[in-house]
Every structure is written in C-alpha cells, then in structure tokens.
Amino acid sequence: MNKKTNIAVFASGNGSNFEALVQACKNGTIAADIRILVCDQPNAYCIERAKNHNVPVFAFKAKEFTDKAHYETEICRILKTYDIELICLAGYMRIVGHTLLQAYDGKILNIHPALLPAFKGAHAIDDAFRFGVKVFGVTVHLIDDTIDGGTIVAQRAFEYYGNDRNEVEAKLHEIEHQLYPEAINIILKTQKKIIHNESISIC
C-alpha cells in the first residue's frame, strides 16, 4: 500500500476549499491526509470546519510576532512535527515569505480565481469584470517569490456573458473544488518537485 502524502492547508476565511480537499482525501480522490490547518485569523470559519473533521489547527495573529520570518519559522517548526510534504494555500490572505519558500521549495500550491498570468492579486474577479472579459477561470500553481507567479499546474475556464458577480463567483468556487484535487494529483504523480516556470497541465 502506497504511503499517503501529508498535506497542510493554509486558509484565512470560510474554508470551502479546505472542506473540498478534506472530502477528496476521505473519498480517495487524493492519496493524501490533511494533517493540519494553518490559519492567520483565529475567528475564521475554516477553523470550525477543521474541528468538525478532527484536523489539528495552528491559528496565529501576525501582529503577535516581530515579523514575517518570526511567524513563518514557528509555522515551519509545527509543520515538521506533522511531517508535512505539501502545502496547499486555500484562501490564505498573506504573502508567503522567504522562510516558508526556502523550507518548502516547489512544494507550495496556491489556487487563484483567474486565468493567470492575467488578473493577479486579491481583486482578480473585480479586475476581470472591469476589463470586460467574457472568459473567466481558475488556476492552480506552484508559488514562487512573486505575486501569483510560479509554475502553472492546472487551469480551467468558462465563458460568461452576464454581469452578475455573485454568479461568476459561485461558478469559480465550483471549479475550484474540482480542480484543486486534480492539481494535487498531478503534483503527486510528478513526484512533487517541478521545474519552475514550465506549464504542466491545462484542462
């Protein structure tokens, strides 16, 4: 029997992608275990989701640390105790710093509600609407030291000709919950270590 990969999920809010990944692990879609949730918002609902699934939580407030390197060093220490092999950012609203990037180089995935490299940043959906695009989508990528940069692992797009932001956001969430497990499987099948800046799969 193959050993399951130990995953840490980082989130800051509702945690719907965390929930989708937990379910994907439970039903065998991903050969992995979510060992811990890391959250920078101690009152976020994702923490309740983790408790419902008996997933340990490390919740922290950045302002209680001297700087990013300080709290990321503590995160790395905790991740080591769970033998974490892959980090999945799922609505984690902090820029990952050098400390985490160095410790988990090529092993940190992020999901973004746009077809990168277009519409980077925290306001991707609004930016896409302002630009007037008719094709929206989701990207899963390995992160690097740039904002929403790094190797694209998987993308999925859909056409939309209306003007209802909530409708688009709901469709994006639906795609995210399908695409993230698929992207994780791509990483697991390619031994997790990917050459940076080379696109892997578009689906």
C-alpha atoms as a PDB file:
ATOM      1  CA  MET A   1       0.000   0.000   0.000  1.00  0.00           C
ATOM      2  CA  ASN A   2       1.417   3.373  -1.013  1.00  0.00           C
ATOM      3  CA  LYS A   3       2.109   5.872   1.743  1.00  0.00           C
ATOM      4  CA  LYS A   4      -0.252   8.826   1.757  1.00  0.00           C
ATOM      5  CA  THR A   5       1.202  12.302   1.358  1.00  0.00           C
ATOM      6  CA  ASN A   6       0.947  14.582   4.371  1.00  0.00           C
ATOM      7  CA  ILE A   7      -0.665  17.915   3.469  1.00  0.00           C
ATOM      8  CA  ALA A   8      -1.026  21.176   5.374  1.00  0.00           C
ATOM      9  CA  VAL A   9      -3.760  23.566   4.259  1.00  0.00           C
ATOM     10  CA  PHE A  10      -3.401  27.310   4.859  1.00  0.00           C
ATOM     11  CA  ALA A  11      -6.599  29.394   4.939  1.00  0.00           C
ATOM     12  CA  SER A  12      -7.871  32.721   6.243  1.00  0.00           C
ATOM     13  CA  GLY A  13     -11.634  32.662   5.759  1.00  0.00           C
ATOM     14  CA  ASN A  14     -14.642  30.441   5.134  1.00  0.00           C
ATOM     15  CA  GLY A  15     -12.625  27.384   4.166  1.00  0.00           C
ATOM     16  CA  SER A  16     -14.760  25.939   1.374  1.00  0.00           C
ATOM     17  CA  ASN A  17     -11.649  24.771  -0.476  1.00  0.00           C
ATOM     18  CA  PHE A  18     -10.326  23.258   2.746  1.00  0.00           C
ATOM     19  CA  GLU A  19     -13.614  21.354   3.052  1.00  0.00           C
ATOM     20  CA  ALA A  20     -13.369  20.156  -0.556  1.00  0.00           C
ATOM     21  CA  LEU A  21      -9.817  18.906  -0.012  1.00  0.00           C
ATOM     22  CA  VAL A  22     -10.775  17.075   3.177  1.00  0.00           C
ATOM     23  CA  GLN A  23     -13.592  15.317   1.327  1.00  0.00           C
ATOM     24  CA  ALA A  24     -11.284  14.464  -1.591  1.00  0.00           C
ATOM     25  CA  CYS A  25      -8.852  12.834   0.830  1.00  0.00           C
ATOM     26  CA  LYS A  26     -11.618  10.946   2.614  1.00  0.00           C
ATOM     27  CA  ASN A  27     -13.151   9.553  -0.564  1.00  0.00           C
ATOM     28  CA  GLY A  28      -9.795   8.550  -2.022  1.00  0.00           C
ATOM     29  CA  THR A  29      -9.678  11.111  -4.838  1.00  0.00           C
ATOM     30  CA  ILE A  30      -6.340  12.243  -3.409  1.00  0.00           C
ATOM     31  CA  ALA A  31      -3.909   9.751  -1.856  1.00  0.00           C
ATOM     32  CA  ALA A  32      -3.153  12.139   0.982  1.00  0.00           C
ATOM     33  CA  ASP A  33      -4.019  13.115   4.535  1.00  0.00           C
ATOM     34  CA  ILE A  34      -4.662  16.674   5.645  1.00  0.00           C
ATOM     35  CA  ARG A  35      -2.640  16.737   8.836  1.00  0.00           C
ATOM     36  CA  ILE A  36      -3.098  20.363   9.906  1.00  0.00           C
ATOM     37  CA  LEU A  37      -4.860  23.634   9.089  1.00  0.00           C
ATOM     38  CA  VAL A  38      -2.814  26.823   9.441  1.00  0.00           C
ATOM     39  CA  CYS A  39      -4.925  29.966   9.848  1.00  0.00           C
ATOM     40  CA  ASP A  40      -3.932  33.593  10.426  1.00  0.00           C
ATOM     41  CA  GLN A  41      -7.452  34.604  11.529  1.00  0.00           C
ATOM     42  CA  PRO A  42      -8.348  32.912  14.846  1.00  0.00           C
ATOM     43  CA  ASN A  43     -12.074  33.593  14.350  1.00  0.00           C
ATOM     44  CA  ALA A  44     -12.284  32.320  10.762  1.00  0.00           C
ATOM     45  CA  TYR A  45     -14.935  29.708   9.956  1.00  0.00           C
ATOM     46  CA  CYS A  46     -12.352  27.386   8.400  1.00  0.00           C
ATOM     47  CA  ILE A  47     -11.261  26.573  11.962  1.00  0.00           C
ATOM     48  CA  GLU A  48     -14.741  25.221  12.741  1.00  0.00           C
ATOM     49  CA  ARG A  49     -14.564  23.109   9.604  1.00  0.00           C
ATOM     50  CA  ALA A  50     -11.235  21.682  10.748  1.00  0.00           C
ATOM     51  CA  LYS A  51     -12.612  20.857  14.188  1.00  0.00           C
ATOM     52  CA  ASN A  52     -15.575  19.095  12.578  1.00  0.00           C
ATOM     53  CA  HIS A  53     -13.109  16.797  10.792  1.00  0.00           C
ATOM     54  CA  ASN A  54     -10.731  16.412  13.758  1.00  0.00           C
ATOM     55  CA  VAL A  55      -7.971  18.191  11.856  1.00  0.00           C
ATOM     56  CA  PRO A  56      -5.491  19.961  14.170  1.00  0.00           C
ATOM     57  CA  VAL A  57      -5.301  23.748  13.836  1.00  0.00           C
ATOM     58  CA  PHE A  58      -2.494  26.241  14.259  1.00  0.00           C
ATOM     59  CA  ALA A  59      -4.129  29.669  14.480  1.00  0.00           C
ATOM     60  CA  PHE A  60      -1.977  32.748  14.899  1.00  0.00           C
ATOM     61  CA  LYS A  61      -2.094  36.540  14.797  1.00  0.00           C
ATOM     62  CA  ALA A  62       0.716  38.028  12.739  1.00  0.00           C
ATOM     63  CA  LYS A  63       0.855  41.135  14.933  1.00  0.00           C
ATOM     64  CA  GLU A  64       1.923  38.987  17.889  1.00  0.00           C
ATOM     65  CA  PHE A  65       5.193  38.190  16.101  1.00  0.00           C
ATOM     66  CA  THR A  66       8.078  40.540  15.392  1.00  0.00           C
ATOM     67  CA  ASP A  67       7.944  39.968  11.630  1.00  0.00           C
ATOM     68  CA  LYS A  68       7.006  37.512   8.859  1.00  0.00           C
ATOM     69  CA  ALA A  69      10.182  35.459   9.318  1.00  0.00           C
ATOM     70  CA  HIS A  70       9.328  35.030  13.001  1.00  0.00           C
ATOM     71  CA  TYR A  71       5.864  33.543  12.490  1.00  0.00           C
ATOM     72  CA  GLU A  72       6.927  31.538   9.441  1.00  0.00           C
ATOM     73  CA  THR A  73       9.737  29.986  11.474  1.00  0.00           C
ATOM     74  CA  GLU A  74       7.139  28.901  14.021  1.00  0.00           C
ATOM     75  CA  ILE A  75       4.917  27.542  11.244  1.00  0.00           C
ATOM     76  CA  CYS A  76       7.835  25.541   9.825  1.00  0.00           C
ATOM     77  CA  ARG A  77       8.574  24.102  13.256  1.00  0.00           C
ATOM     78  CA  ILE A  78       4.976  22.940  13.608  1.00  0.00           C
ATOM     79  CA  LEU A  79       4.795  21.540  10.072  1.00  0.00           C
ATOM     80  CA  LYS A  80       7.885  19.428  10.770  1.00  0.00           C
ATOM     81  CA  THR A  81       6.127  17.754  13.679  1.00  0.00           C
ATOM     82  CA  TYR A  82       3.437  16.592  11.242  1.00  0.00           C
ATOM     83  CA  ASP A  83       5.960  15.522   8.590  1.00  0.00           C
ATOM     84  CA  ILE A  84       4.308  17.833   6.043  1.00  0.00           C
ATOM     85  CA  GLU A  85       5.279  17.162   2.429  1.00  0.00           C
ATOM     86  CA  LEU A  86       2.956  19.532   0.556  1.00  0.00           C
ATOM     87  CA  ILE A  87       1.352  22.866   1.460  1.00  0.00           C
ATOM     88  CA  CYS A  88      -1.933  23.919  -0.146  1.00  0.00           C
ATOM     89  CA  LEU A  89      -2.865  27.582   0.117  1.00  0.00           C
ATOM     90  CA  ALA A  90      -6.656  27.828   0.078  1.00  0.00           C
ATOM     91  CA  GLY A  91      -7.700  31.419   0.554  1.00  0.00           C
ATOM     92  CA  TYR A  92      -4.645  32.252   2.670  1.00  0.00           C
ATOM     93  CA  MET A  93      -4.522  36.034   2.511  1.00  0.00           C
ATOM     94  CA  ARG A  94      -0.866  36.550   3.361  1.00  0.00           C
ATOM     95  CA  ILE A  95       2.089  36.674   1.022  1.00  0.00           C
ATOM     96  CA  VAL A  96       4.339  33.697   1.696  1.00  0.00           C
ATOM     97  CA  GLY A  97       7.808  34.835   2.676  1.00  0.00           C
ATOM     98  CA  HIS A  98      11.342  33.590   2.148  1.00  0.00           C
ATOM     99  CA  THR A  99      11.355  31.383   5.247  1.00  0.00           C
ATOM    100  CA  LEU A 100       8.488  29.160   4.089  1.00  0.00           C
ATOM    101  CA  LEU A 101       9.536  29.295   0.441  1.00  0.00           C
ATOM    102  CA  GLN A 102      13.012  28.076   1.294  1.00  0.00           C
ATOM    103  CA  ALA A 103      11.778  25.294   3.578  1.00  0.00           C
ATOM    104  CA  TYR A 104       9.165  24.020   1.081  1.00  0.00           C
ATOM    105  CA  ASP A 105      10.605  24.995  -2.278  1.00  0.00           C
ATOM    106  CA  GLY A 106       8.494  23.527  -5.074  1.00  0.00           C
ATOM    107  CA  LYS A 107       6.006  22.133  -2.562  1.00  0.00           C
ATOM    108  CA  ILE A 108       3.570  25.019  -2.043  1.00  0.00           C
ATOM    109  CA  LEU A 109       0.432  25.151  -4.181  1.00  0.00           C
ATOM    110  CA  ASN A 110      -1.976  28.064  -4.476  1.00  0.00           C
ATOM    111  CA  ILE A 111      -5.405  28.376  -6.065  1.00  0.00           C
ATOM    112  CA  HIS A 112      -6.352  31.647  -7.765  1.00  0.00           C
ATOM    113  CA  PRO A 113      -9.745  32.741  -9.183  1.00  0.00           C
ATOM    114  CA  ALA A 114      -8.429  33.877 -12.568  1.00  0.00           C
ATOM    115  CA  LEU A 115      -6.550  32.558 -15.569  1.00  0.00           C
ATOM    116  CA  LEU A 116      -3.015  33.523 -14.651  1.00  0.00           C
ATOM    117  CA  PRO A 117      -0.917  35.320 -15.661  1.00  0.00           C
ATOM    118  CA  ALA A 118      -3.929  37.632 -16.111  1.00  0.00           C
ATOM    119  CA  PHE A 119      -5.543  39.349 -13.116  1.00  0.00           C
ATOM    120  CA  LYS A 120      -3.089  38.701 -10.342  1.00  0.00           C
ATOM    121  CA  GLY A 121      -3.708  39.817  -6.778  1.00  0.00           C
ATOM    122  CA  ALA A 122      -6.537  39.878  -4.268  1.00  0.00           C
ATOM    123  CA  HIS A 123      -9.161  41.522  -6.517  1.00  0.00           C
ATOM    124  CA  ALA A 124      -8.967  39.203  -9.517  1.00  0.00           C
ATOM    125  CA  ILE A 125     -12.716  38.792 -10.069  1.00  0.00           C
ATOM    126  CA  ASP A 126     -13.442  42.510  -9.870  1.00  0.00           C
ATOM    127  CA  ASP A 127     -10.482  43.268 -12.127  1.00  0.00           C
ATOM    128  CA  ALA A 128     -11.729  40.769 -14.710  1.00  0.00           C
ATOM    129  CA  PHE A 129     -15.184  42.377 -14.712  1.00  0.00           C
ATOM    130  CA  ARG A 130     -13.703  45.851 -15.064  1.00  0.00           C
ATOM    131  CA  PHE A 131     -11.626  44.685 -18.019  1.00  0.00           C
ATOM    132  CA  GLY A 132     -14.747  43.256 -19.661  1.00  0.00           C
ATOM    133  CA  VAL A 133     -13.571  39.690 -20.170  1.00  0.00           C
ATOM    134  CA  LYS A 134     -16.011  37.002 -21.293  1.00  0.00           C
ATOM    135  CA  VAL A 135     -13.846  34.070 -20.215  1.00  0.00           C
ATOM    136  CA  PHE A 136     -13.228  33.509 -16.511  1.00  0.00           C
ATOM    137  CA  GLY A 137     -11.377  30.688 -14.834  1.00  0.00           C
ATOM    138  CA  VAL A 138      -9.285  29.176 -12.078  1.00  0.00           C
ATOM    139  CA  THR A 139      -5.555  28.495 -11.845  1.00  0.00           C
ATOM    140  CA  VAL A 140      -3.640  26.189  -9.528  1.00  0.00           C
ATOM    141  CA  HIS A 141       0.065  26.952  -9.447  1.00  0.00           C
ATOM    142  CA  LEU A 142       3.233  26.321  -7.500  1.00  0.00           C
ATOM    143  CA  ILE A 143       4.233  29.596  -5.894  1.00  0.00           C
ATOM    144  CA  ASP A 144       7.494  31.480  -6.153  1.00  0.00           C
ATOM    145  CA  ASP A 145       8.692  34.786  -4.711  1.00  0.00           C
ATOM    146  CA  THR A 146       6.417  36.871  -6.952  1.00  0.00           C
ATOM    147  CA  ILE A 147       2.728  37.708  -6.505  1.00  0.00           C
ATOM    148  CA  ASP A 148       0.687  34.880  -8.060  1.00  0.00           C
ATOM    149  CA  GLY A 149       3.717  33.740 -10.037  1.00  0.00           C
ATOM    150  CA  GLY A 150       5.293  30.318 -10.400  1.00  0.00           C
ATOM    151  CA  THR A 151       4.622  27.162 -12.349  1.00  0.00           C
ATOM    152  CA  ILE A 152       1.045  26.732 -13.566  1.00  0.00           C
ATOM    153  CA  VAL A 153      -0.121  23.219 -12.702  1.00  0.00           C
ATOM    154  CA  ALA A 154      -3.714  23.307 -13.956  1.00  0.00           C
ATOM    155  CA  GLN A 155      -6.288  25.754 -15.323  1.00  0.00           C
ATOM    156  CA  ARG A 156      -9.959  25.573 -16.201  1.00  0.00           C
ATOM    157  CA  ALA A 157     -12.019  28.248 -17.961  1.00  0.00           C
ATOM    158  CA  PHE A 158     -15.655  29.039 -18.712  1.00  0.00           C
ATOM    159  CA  GLU A 159     -17.454  31.637 -20.798  1.00  0.00           C
ATOM    160  CA  TYR A 160     -19.778  34.139 -19.148  1.00  0.00           C
ATOM    161  CA  TYR A 161     -21.625  36.974 -20.883  1.00  0.00           C
ATOM    162  CA  GLY A 162     -23.684  38.334 -17.990  1.00  0.00           C
ATOM    163  CA  ASN A 163     -22.885  40.912 -15.332  1.00  0.00           C
ATOM    164  CA  ASP A 164     -23.715  39.105 -12.077  1.00  0.00           C
ATOM    165  CA  ARG A 165     -20.551  38.929  -9.988  1.00  0.00           C
ATOM    166  CA  ASN A 166     -22.123  36.528  -7.478  1.00  0.00           C
ATOM    167  CA  GLU A 167     -22.988  34.104 -10.271  1.00  0.00           C
ATOM    168  CA  VAL A 168     -19.411  34.140 -11.525  1.00  0.00           C
ATOM    169  CA  GLU A 169     -18.015  33.710  -8.026  1.00  0.00           C
ATOM    170  CA  ALA A 170     -20.269  30.702  -7.400  1.00  0.00           C
ATOM    171  CA  LYS A 171     -19.107  29.082 -10.646  1.00  0.00           C
ATOM    172  CA  LEU A 172     -15.475  29.781  -9.765  1.00  0.00           C
ATOM    173  CA  HIS A 173     -15.913  28.088  -6.381  1.00  0.00           C
ATOM    174  CA  GLU A 174     -17.492  25.073  -8.066  1.00  0.00           C
ATOM    175  CA  ILE A 175     -14.497  24.780 -10.392  1.00  0.00           C
ATOM    176  CA  GLU A 176     -12.008  25.337  -7.568  1.00  0.00           C
ATOM    177  CA  HIS A 177     -13.420  22.420  -5.596  1.00  0.00           C
ATOM    178  CA  GLN A 178     -12.936  20.132  -8.613  1.00  0.00           C
ATOM    179  CA  LEU A 179      -9.645  21.481  -9.924  1.00  0.00           C
ATOM    180  CA  TYR A 180      -7.629  21.663  -6.711  1.00  0.00           C
ATOM    181  CA  PRO A 181      -7.766  17.895  -6.032  1.00  0.00           C
ATOM    182  CA  GLU A 182      -6.899  17.242  -9.691  1.00  0.00           C
ATOM    183  CA  ALA A 183      -3.900  19.568  -9.475  1.00  0.00           C
ATOM    184  CA  ILE A 184      -2.691  17.920  -6.282  1.00  0.00           C
ATOM    185  CA  ASN A 185      -2.801  14.565  -8.039  1.00  0.00           C
ATOM    186  CA  ILE A 186      -0.717  15.997 -10.878  1.00  0.00           C
ATOM    187  CA  ILE A 187       1.882  17.091  -8.337  1.00  0.00           C
ATOM    188  CA  LEU A 188       1.855  13.754  -6.530  1.00  0.00           C
ATOM    189  CA  LYS A 189       2.260  11.856  -9.792  1.00  0.00           C
ATOM    190  CA  THR A 190       5.195  14.023 -10.823  1.00  0.00           C
ATOM    191  CA  GLN A 191       6.977  13.495  -7.511  1.00  0.00           C
ATOM    192  CA  LYS A 192       6.019  16.964  -6.214  1.00  0.00           C
ATOM    193  CA  LYS A 193       9.254  18.624  -7.382  1.00  0.00           C
ATOM    194  CA  ILE A 194       8.588  20.512 -10.615  1.00  0.00           C
ATOM    195  CA  ILE A 195      10.930  22.632 -12.710  1.00  0.00           C
ATOM    196  CA  HIS A 196       9.828  26.223 -12.144  1.00  0.00           C
ATOM    197  CA  ASN A 197       8.324  28.330 -14.952  1.00  0.00           C
ATOM    198  CA  GLU A 198       7.213  25.357 -17.029  1.00  0.00           C
ATOM    199  CA  SER A 199       3.481  24.865 -17.550  1.00  0.00           C
ATOM    200  CA  ILE A 200       2.354  21.356 -16.606  1.00  0.00           C
ATOM    201  CA  SER A 201      -1.300  20.881 -17.496  1.00  0.00           C
ATOM    202  CA  ILE A 202      -4.217  22.883 -18.784  1.00  0.00           C
ATOM    203  CA  CYS A 203      -7.618  21.227 -18.538  1.00  0.00           C
END
